[in-house]
Amino acid sequence: MIEQIKKHIEEVNQFTAKTPAEVEAFRIKFLGKKGILNDLFTEFKSVPNEQKKEFGQVVNQLKNAATEKVDLLNQSFSGSNEARYE
């Protein structure tokens, strides 16, 4: 399971978007109510106690990476829109 989460982190790190709609689809996929992270936090309850620390750390890495990627991409689109209107 932890290896799968690490693959998700790699996917997040490699993601690029050409449109704000792609960023939104990415955000929903990872951070939405029915997204990957929500599923992982739900699954956390069934993780054996000896694995909870590592599982939690990796899930938080994924959450932080996805949040930062969405923020960064949103800023790049909002910044490019402002430049067009100047």
PDB file of N, CA and C in Angstrom:
ATOM      1  N   MET A   1       0.823  -1.200   0.000  1.00  0.00           N
ATOM      2  CA  MET A   1       0.000   0.000   0.000  1.00  0.00           C
ATOM      3  C   MET A   1       0.864   1.259   0.000  1.00  0.00           C
ATOM      4  N   ILE A   2       1.925   1.255   0.788  1.00  0.00           N
ATOM      5  CA  ILE A   2       2.797   2.427   0.863  1.00  0.00           C
ATOM      6  C   ILE A   2       3.480   2.666  -0.474  1.00  0.00           C
ATOM      7  N   GLU A   3       3.826   1.595  -1.176  1.00  0.00           N
ATOM      8  CA  GLU A   3       4.435   1.741  -2.508  1.00  0.00           C
ATOM      9  C   GLU A   3       3.459   2.419  -3.471  1.00  0.00           C
ATOM     10  N   GLN A   4       2.177   2.076  -3.364  1.00  0.00           N
ATOM     11  CA  GLN A   4       1.161   2.696  -4.222  1.00  0.00           C
ATOM     12  C   GLN A   4       1.052   4.192  -3.930  1.00  0.00           C
ATOM     13  N   ILE A   5       1.128   4.557  -2.664  1.00  0.00           N
ATOM     14  CA  ILE A   5       1.059   5.969  -2.290  1.00  0.00           C
ATOM     15  C   ILE A   5       2.277   6.710  -2.858  1.00  0.00           C
ATOM     16  N   LYS A   6       3.436   6.076  -2.799  1.00  0.00           N
ATOM     17  CA  LYS A   6       4.648   6.688  -3.353  1.00  0.00           C
ATOM     18  C   LYS A   6       4.521   6.883  -4.861  1.00  0.00           C
ATOM     19  N   LYS A   7       3.834   5.962  -5.541  1.00  0.00           N
ATOM     20  CA  LYS A   7       3.582   6.137  -6.981  1.00  0.00           C
ATOM     21  C   LYS A   7       2.674   7.338  -7.219  1.00  0.00           C
ATOM     22  N   HIS A   8       1.697   7.533  -6.333  1.00  0.00           N
ATOM     23  CA  HIS A   8       0.826   8.708  -6.435  1.00  0.00           C
ATOM     24  C   HIS A   8       1.634   9.994  -6.239  1.00  0.00           C
ATOM     25  N   ILE A   9       2.581   9.976  -5.297  1.00  0.00           N
ATOM     26  CA  ILE A   9       3.427  11.150  -5.069  1.00  0.00           C
ATOM     27  C   ILE A   9       4.230  11.459  -6.325  1.00  0.00           C
ATOM     28  N   GLU A  10       4.766  10.433  -6.959  1.00  0.00           N
ATOM     29  CA  GLU A  10       5.524  10.620  -8.193  1.00  0.00           C
ATOM     30  C   GLU A  10       4.622  11.193  -9.297  1.00  0.00           C
ATOM     31  N   GLU A  11       3.397  10.686  -9.382  1.00  0.00           N
ATOM     32  CA  GLU A  11       2.430  11.205 -10.361  1.00  0.00           C
ATOM     33  C   GLU A  11       2.161  12.689 -10.120  1.00  0.00           C
ATOM     34  N   VAL A  12       2.001  13.067  -8.856  1.00  0.00           N
ATOM     35  CA  VAL A  12       1.766  14.465  -8.502  1.00  0.00           C
ATOM     36  C   VAL A  12       2.955  15.322  -8.927  1.00  0.00           C
ATOM     37  N   ASN A  13       4.154  14.849  -8.617  1.00  0.00           N
ATOM     38  CA  ASN A  13       5.359  15.616  -8.931  1.00  0.00           C
ATOM     39  C   ASN A  13       5.554  15.813 -10.432  1.00  0.00           C
ATOM     40  N   GLN A  14       5.108  14.864 -11.242  1.00  0.00           N
ATOM     41  CA  GLN A  14       5.300  14.944 -12.682  1.00  0.00           C
ATOM     42  C   GLN A  14       4.145  15.635 -13.406  1.00  0.00           C
ATOM     43  N   PHE A  15       3.065  15.898 -12.715  1.00  0.00           N
ATOM     44  CA  PHE A  15       1.871  16.460 -13.351  1.00  0.00           C
ATOM     45  C   PHE A  15       2.113  17.880 -13.853  1.00  0.00           C
ATOM     46  N   THR A  16       1.660  18.135 -15.059  1.00  0.00           N
ATOM     47  CA  THR A  16       1.619  19.485 -15.602  1.00  0.00           C
ATOM     48  C   THR A  16       0.237  19.705 -16.199  1.00  0.00           C
ATOM     49  N   ALA A  17      -0.149  20.959 -16.298  1.00  0.00           N
ATOM     50  CA  ALA A  17      -1.478  21.280 -16.827  1.00  0.00           C
ATOM     51  C   ALA A  17      -1.365  22.406 -17.844  1.00  0.00           C
ATOM     52  N   LYS A  18      -2.187  22.307 -18.879  1.00  0.00           N
ATOM     53  CA  LYS A  18      -2.220  23.347 -19.909  1.00  0.00           C
ATOM     54  C   LYS A  18      -3.380  24.311 -19.704  1.00  0.00           C
ATOM     55  N   THR A  19      -4.355  23.884 -18.898  1.00  0.00           N
ATOM     56  CA  THR A  19      -5.531  24.724 -18.673  1.00  0.00           C
ATOM     57  C   THR A  19      -5.938  24.682 -17.197  1.00  0.00           C
ATOM     58  N   PRO A  20      -6.648  25.702 -16.741  1.00  0.00           N
ATOM     59  CA  PRO A  20      -7.178  25.665 -15.364  1.00  0.00           C
ATOM     60  C   PRO A  20      -8.117  24.468 -15.141  1.00  0.00           C
ATOM     61  N   ALA A  21      -8.817  24.027 -16.180  1.00  0.00           N
ATOM     62  CA  ALA A  21      -9.718  22.881 -16.042  1.00  0.00           C
ATOM     63  C   ALA A  21      -8.937  21.604 -15.707  1.00  0.00           C
ATOM     64  N   GLU A  22      -7.754  21.456 -16.279  1.00  0.00           N
ATOM     65  CA  GLU A  22      -6.916  20.293 -15.968  1.00  0.00           C
ATOM     66  C   GLU A  22      -6.458  20.336 -14.510  1.00  0.00           C
ATOM     67  N   VAL A  23      -6.157  21.529 -14.021  1.00  0.00           N
ATOM     68  CA  VAL A  23      -5.763  21.683 -12.620  1.00  0.00           C
ATOM     69  C   VAL A  23      -6.926  21.288 -11.717  1.00  0.00           C
ATOM     70  N   GLU A  24      -8.119  21.715 -12.059  1.00  0.00           N
ATOM     71  CA  GLU A  24      -9.300  21.399 -11.253  1.00  0.00           C
ATOM     72  C   GLU A  24      -9.576  19.892 -11.262  1.00  0.00           C
ATOM     73  N   ALA A  25      -9.439  19.254 -12.408  1.00  0.00           N
ATOM     74  CA  ALA A  25      -9.639  17.805 -12.483  1.00  0.00           C
ATOM     75  C   ALA A  25      -8.607  17.080 -11.614  1.00  0.00           C
ATOM     76  N   PHE A  26      -7.378  17.553 -11.644  1.00  0.00           N
ATOM     77  CA  PHE A  26      -6.314  16.994 -10.813  1.00  0.00           C
ATOM     78  C   PHE A  26      -6.640  17.184  -9.331  1.00  0.00           C
ATOM     79  N   ARG A  27      -7.095  18.384  -8.975  1.00  0.00           N
ATOM     80  CA  ARG A  27      -7.448  18.676  -7.584  1.00  0.00           C
ATOM     81  C   ARG A  27      -8.555  17.739  -7.101  1.00  0.00           C
ATOM     82  N   ILE A  28      -9.560  17.558  -7.914  1.00  0.00           N
ATOM     83  CA  ILE A  28     -10.671  16.682  -7.536  1.00  0.00           C
ATOM     84  C   ILE A  28     -10.193  15.243  -7.397  1.00  0.00           C
ATOM     85  N   LYS A  29      -9.337  14.804  -8.319  1.00  0.00           N
ATOM     86  CA  LYS A  29      -8.830  13.428  -8.285  1.00  0.00           C
ATOM     87  C   LYS A  29      -8.112  13.134  -6.973  1.00  0.00           C
ATOM     88  N   PHE A  30      -7.297  14.068  -6.507  1.00  0.00           N
ATOM     89  CA  PHE A  30      -6.508  13.822  -5.302  1.00  0.00           C
ATOM     90  C   PHE A  30      -7.136  14.387  -4.034  1.00  0.00           C
ATOM     91  N   LEU A  31      -7.705  15.578  -4.095  1.00  0.00           N
ATOM     92  CA  LEU A  31      -8.134  16.276  -2.880  1.00  0.00           C
ATOM     93  C   LEU A  31      -9.648  16.343  -2.702  1.00  0.00           C
ATOM     94  N   GLY A  32     -10.405  15.880  -3.667  1.00  0.00           N
ATOM     95  CA  GLY A  32     -11.861  15.955  -3.591  1.00  0.00           C
ATOM     96  C   GLY A  32     -12.451  14.992  -2.581  1.00  0.00           C
ATOM     97  N   LYS A  33     -13.753  15.152  -2.317  1.00  0.00           N
ATOM     98  CA  LYS A  33     -14.444  14.296  -1.341  1.00  0.00           C
ATOM     99  C   LYS A  33     -14.356  12.824  -1.697  1.00  0.00           C
ATOM    100  N   LYS A  34     -14.380  12.519  -2.991  1.00  0.00           N
ATOM    101  CA  LYS A  34     -14.280  11.131  -3.437  1.00  0.00           C
ATOM    102  C   LYS A  34     -12.897  10.851  -4.017  1.00  0.00           C
ATOM    103  N   GLY A  35     -11.930  11.656  -3.612  1.00  0.00           N
ATOM    104  CA  GLY A  35     -10.592  11.560  -4.165  1.00  0.00           C
ATOM    105  C   GLY A  35      -9.718  10.516  -3.491  1.00  0.00           C
ATOM    106  N   ILE A  36      -8.531  10.389  -4.036  1.00  0.00           N
ATOM    107  CA  ILE A  36      -7.562   9.405  -3.572  1.00  0.00           C
ATOM    108  C   ILE A  36      -7.212   9.617  -2.097  1.00  0.00           C
ATOM    109  N   LEU A  37      -6.960  10.860  -1.710  1.00  0.00           N
ATOM    110  CA  LEU A  37      -6.569  11.117  -0.319  1.00  0.00           C
ATOM    111  C   LEU A  37      -7.676  10.765   0.666  1.00  0.00           C
ATOM    112  N   ASN A  38      -8.888  11.081   0.334  1.00  0.00           N
ATOM    113  CA  ASN A  38      -9.998  10.749   1.218  1.00  0.00           C
ATOM    114  C   ASN A  38     -10.081   9.235   1.410  1.00  0.00           C
ATOM    115  N   ASP A  39      -9.893   8.486   0.322  1.00  0.00           N
ATOM    116  CA  ASP A  39      -9.905   7.028   0.418  1.00  0.00           C
ATOM    117  C   ASP A  39      -8.777   6.530   1.326  1.00  0.00           C
ATOM    118  N   LEU A  40      -7.604   7.147   1.187  1.00  0.00           N
ATOM    119  CA  LEU A  40      -6.462   6.724   2.001  1.00  0.00           C
ATOM    120  C   LEU A  40      -6.681   7.042   3.484  1.00  0.00           C
ATOM    121  N   PHE A  41      -7.255   8.201   3.780  1.00  0.00           N
ATOM    122  CA  PHE A  41      -7.524   8.540   5.174  1.00  0.00           C
ATOM    123  C   PHE A  41      -8.579   7.593   5.764  1.00  0.00           C
ATOM    124  N   THR A  42      -9.535   7.164   4.956  1.00  0.00           N
ATOM    125  CA  THR A  42     -10.532   6.192   5.406  1.00  0.00           C
ATOM    126  C   THR A  42      -9.856   4.846   5.675  1.00  0.00           C
ATOM    127  N   GLU A  43      -8.952   4.463   4.802  1.00  0.00           N
ATOM    128  CA  GLU A  43      -8.251   3.189   4.947  1.00  0.00           C
ATOM    129  C   GLU A  43      -7.288   3.187   6.138  1.00  0.00           C
ATOM    130  N   PHE A  44      -6.869   4.348   6.576  1.00  0.00           N
ATOM    131  CA  PHE A  44      -5.940   4.474   7.699  1.00  0.00           C
ATOM    132  C   PHE A  44      -6.443   3.711   8.919  1.00  0.00           C
ATOM    133  N   LYS A  45      -7.756   3.685   9.109  1.00  0.00           N
ATOM    134  CA  LYS A  45      -8.347   3.013  10.264  1.00  0.00           C
ATOM    135  C   LYS A  45      -8.017   1.527  10.297  1.00  0.00           C
ATOM    136  N   SER A  46      -7.859   0.925   9.123  1.00  0.00           N
ATOM    137  CA  SER A  46      -7.628  -0.521   9.068  1.00  0.00           C
ATOM    138  C   SER A  46      -6.140  -0.889   8.979  1.00  0.00           C
ATOM    139  N   VAL A  47      -5.269   0.107   8.984  1.00  0.00           N
ATOM    140  CA  VAL A  47      -3.829  -0.166   8.929  1.00  0.00           C
ATOM    141  C   VAL A  47      -3.375  -0.692  10.294  1.00  0.00           C
ATOM    142  N   PRO A  48      -2.558  -1.767  10.295  1.00  0.00           N
ATOM    143  CA  PRO A  48      -2.051  -2.284  11.576  1.00  0.00           C
ATOM    144  C   PRO A  48      -1.285  -1.197  12.345  1.00  0.00           C
ATOM    145  N   ASN A  49      -1.384  -1.232  13.658  1.00  0.00           N
ATOM    146  CA  ASN A  49      -0.783  -0.200  14.499  1.00  0.00           C
ATOM    147  C   ASN A  49       0.700  -0.001  14.221  1.00  0.00           C
ATOM    148  N   GLU A  50       1.437  -1.056  13.963  1.00  0.00           N
ATOM    149  CA  GLU A  50       2.871  -0.928  13.739  1.00  0.00           C
ATOM    150  C   GLU A  50       3.198  -0.236  12.409  1.00  0.00           C
ATOM    151  N   GLN A  51       2.216  -0.117  11.526  1.00  0.00           N
ATOM    152  CA  GLN A  51       2.445   0.546  10.237  1.00  0.00           C
ATOM    153  C   GLN A  51       1.817   1.939  10.159  1.00  0.00           C
ATOM    154  N   LYS A  52       1.055   2.301  11.164  1.00  0.00           N
ATOM    155  CA  LYS A  52       0.318   3.576  11.115  1.00  0.00           C
ATOM    156  C   LYS A  52       1.230   4.785  10.971  1.00  0.00           C
ATOM    157  N   LYS A  53       2.348   4.805  11.671  1.00  0.00           N
ATOM    158  CA  LYS A  53       3.233   5.967  11.617  1.00  0.00           C
ATOM    159  C   LYS A  53       3.746   6.185  10.198  1.00  0.00           C
ATOM    160  N   GLU A  54       4.297   5.127   9.604  1.00  0.00           N
ATOM    161  CA  GLU A  54       4.837   5.259   8.246  1.00  0.00           C
ATOM    162  C   GLU A  54       3.727   5.564   7.242  1.00  0.00           C
ATOM    163  N   PHE A  55       2.602   4.880   7.360  1.00  0.00           N
ATOM    164  CA  PHE A  55       1.472   5.102   6.465  1.00  0.00           C
ATOM    165  C   PHE A  55       1.010   6.555   6.546  1.00  0.00           C
ATOM    166  N   GLY A  56       0.866   7.054   7.767  1.00  0.00           N
ATOM    167  CA  GLY A  56       0.419   8.430   7.964  1.00  0.00           C
ATOM    168  C   GLY A  56       1.398   9.433   7.382  1.00  0.00           C
ATOM    169  N   GLN A  57       2.691   9.191   7.579  1.00  0.00           N
ATOM    170  CA  GLN A  57       3.704  10.104   7.046  1.00  0.00           C
ATOM    171  C   GLN A  57       3.656  10.156   5.520  1.00  0.00           C
ATOM    172  N   VAL A  58       3.511   9.002   4.892  1.00  0.00           N
ATOM    173  CA  VAL A  58       3.496   8.958   3.427  1.00  0.00           C
ATOM    174  C   VAL A  58       2.214   9.585   2.885  1.00  0.00           C
ATOM    175  N   VAL A  59       1.103   9.341   3.552  1.00  0.00           N
ATOM    176  CA  VAL A  59      -0.161   9.958   3.128  1.00  0.00           C
ATOM    177  C   VAL A  59      -0.063  11.484   3.262  1.00  0.00           C
ATOM    178  N   ASN A  60       0.541  11.962   4.325  1.00  0.00           N
ATOM    179  CA  ASN A  60       0.707  13.404   4.490  1.00  0.00           C
ATOM    180  C   ASN A  60       1.642  13.994   3.442  1.00  0.00           C
ATOM    181  N   GLN A  61       2.673  13.248   3.049  1.00  0.00           N
ATOM    182  CA  GLN A  61       3.553  13.704   1.966  1.00  0.00           C
ATOM    183  C   GLN A  61       2.745  13.875   0.680  1.00  0.00           C
ATOM    184  N   LEU A  62       1.882  12.899   0.406  1.00  0.00           N
ATOM    185  CA  LEU A  62       1.043  12.972  -0.790  1.00  0.00           C
ATOM    186  C   LEU A  62       0.106  14.174  -0.704  1.00  0.00           C
ATOM    187  N   LYS A  63      -0.526  14.370   0.437  1.00  0.00           N
ATOM    188  CA  LYS A  63      -1.448  15.491   0.614  1.00  0.00           C
ATOM    189  C   LYS A  63      -0.724  16.820   0.402  1.00  0.00           C
ATOM    190  N   ASN A  64       0.441  16.969   1.031  1.00  0.00           N
ATOM    191  CA  ASN A  64       1.195  18.208   0.885  1.00  0.00           C
ATOM    192  C   ASN A  64       1.657  18.428  -0.547  1.00  0.00           C
ATOM    193  N   ALA A  65       2.123  17.373  -1.201  1.00  0.00           N
ATOM    194  CA  ALA A  65       2.582  17.496  -2.585  1.00  0.00           C
ATOM    195  C   ALA A  65       1.432  17.895  -3.507  1.00  0.00           C
ATOM    196  N   ALA A  66       0.274  17.268  -3.335  1.00  0.00           N
ATOM    197  CA  ALA A  66      -0.879  17.580  -4.180  1.00  0.00           C
ATOM    198  C   ALA A  66      -1.370  19.005  -3.935  1.00  0.00           C
ATOM    199  N   THR A  67      -1.436  19.408  -2.679  1.00  0.00           N
ATOM    200  CA  THR A  67      -1.888  20.758  -2.352  1.00  0.00           C
ATOM    201  C   THR A  67      -0.941  21.803  -2.925  1.00  0.00           C
ATOM    202  N   GLU A  68       0.358  21.579  -2.752  1.00  0.00           N
ATOM    203  CA  GLU A  68       1.346  22.526  -3.280  1.00  0.00           C
ATOM    204  C   GLU A  68       1.297  22.593  -4.800  1.00  0.00           C
ATOM    205  N   LYS A  69       1.112  21.454  -5.454  1.00  0.00           N
ATOM    206  CA  LYS A  69       1.052  21.425  -6.921  1.00  0.00           C
ATOM    207  C   LYS A  69      -0.162  22.201  -7.416  1.00  0.00           C
ATOM    208  N   VAL A  70      -1.314  21.987  -6.793  1.00  0.00           N
ATOM    209  CA  VAL A  70      -2.530  22.705  -7.187  1.00  0.00           C
ATOM    210  C   VAL A  70      -2.345  24.206  -6.979  1.00  0.00           C
ATOM    211  N   ASP A  71      -1.807  24.601  -5.836  1.00  0.00           N
ATOM    212  CA  ASP A  71      -1.582  26.025  -5.564  1.00  0.00           C
ATOM    213  C   ASP A  71      -0.624  26.631  -6.585  1.00  0.00           C
ATOM    214  N   LEU A  72       0.459  25.938  -6.857  1.00  0.00           N
ATOM    215  CA  LEU A  72       1.457  26.427  -7.799  1.00  0.00           C
ATOM    216  C   LEU A  72       0.863  26.590  -9.203  1.00  0.00           C
ATOM    217  N   LEU A  73       0.124  25.588  -9.653  1.00  0.00           N
ATOM    218  CA  LEU A  73      -0.465  25.657 -10.990  1.00  0.00           C
ATOM    219  C   LEU A  73      -1.539  26.738 -11.067  1.00  0.00           C
ATOM    220  N   ASN A  74      -2.344  26.866 -10.019  1.00  0.00           N
ATOM    221  CA  ASN A  74      -3.361  27.924 -10.007  1.00  0.00           C
ATOM    222  C   ASN A  74      -2.709  29.300 -10.062  1.00  0.00           C
ATOM    223  N   GLN A  75      -1.617  29.469  -9.340  1.00  0.00           N
ATOM    224  CA  GLN A  75      -0.901  30.752  -9.367  1.00  0.00           C
ATOM    225  C   GLN A  75      -0.333  31.024 -10.753  1.00  0.00           C
ATOM    226  N   SER A  76       0.181  29.992 -11.400  1.00  0.00           N
ATOM    227  CA  SER A  76       0.766  30.210 -12.723  1.00  0.00           C
ATOM    228  C   SER A  76      -0.308  30.628 -13.725  1.00  0.00           C
ATOM    229  N   PHE A  77      -1.517  30.071 -13.598  1.00  0.00           N
ATOM    230  CA  PHE A  77      -2.591  30.469 -14.509  1.00  0.00           C
ATOM    231  C   PHE A  77      -3.128  31.850 -14.174  1.00  0.00           C
ATOM    232  N   SER A  78      -3.284  32.149 -12.898  1.00  0.00           N
ATOM    233  CA  SER A  78      -3.787  33.476 -12.535  1.00  0.00           C
ATOM    234  C   SER A  78      -2.747  34.538 -12.871  1.00  0.00           C
ATOM    235  N   GLY A  79      -1.478  34.228 -12.713  1.00  0.00           N
ATOM    236  CA  GLY A  79      -0.417  35.163 -13.062  1.00  0.00           C
ATOM    237  C   GLY A  79      -0.356  35.428 -14.547  1.00  0.00           C
ATOM    238  N   SER A  80      -0.557  34.386 -15.359  1.00  0.00           N
ATOM    239  CA  SER A  80      -0.498  34.578 -16.805  1.00  0.00           C
ATOM    240  C   SER A  80      -1.712  35.353 -17.300  1.00  0.00           C
ATOM    241  N   ASN A  81      -2.861  35.191 -16.642  1.00  0.00           N
ATOM    242  CA  ASN A  81      -4.049  35.954 -17.028  1.00  0.00           C
ATOM    243  C   ASN A  81      -3.858  37.428 -16.722  1.00  0.00           C
ATOM    244  N   GLU A  82      -3.267  37.743 -15.573  1.00  0.00           N
ATOM    245  CA  GLU A  82      -3.045  39.129 -15.210  1.00  0.00           C
ATOM    246  C   GLU A  82      -2.087  39.777 -16.191  1.00  0.00           C
ATOM    247  N   ALA A  83      -1.093  39.046 -16.635  1.00  0.00           N
ATOM    248  CA  ALA A  83      -0.109  39.615 -17.561  1.00  0.00           C
ATOM    249  C   ALA A  83      -0.757  39.965 -18.899  1.00  0.00           C
ATOM    250  N   ARG A  84      -1.740  39.168 -19.307  1.00  0.00           N
ATOM    251  CA  ARG A  84      -2.400  39.428 -20.582  1.00  0.00           C
ATOM    252  C   ARG A  84      -3.206  40.730 -20.561  1.00  0.00           C
ATOM    253  N   TYR A  85      -3.722  41.083 -19.394  1.00  0.00           N
ATOM    254  CA  TYR A  85      -4.590  42.255 -19.312  1.00  0.00           C
ATOM    255  C   TYR A  85      -3.847  43.548 -19.052  1.00  0.00           C
ATOM    256  N   GLU A  86      -2.562  43.471 -18.814  1.00  0.00           N
ATOM    257  CA  GLU A  86      -1.804  44.687 -18.519  1.00  0.00           C
ATOM    258  C   GLU A  86      -1.456  45.430 -19.782  1.00  0.00           C
TER     259      GLU A  86
END
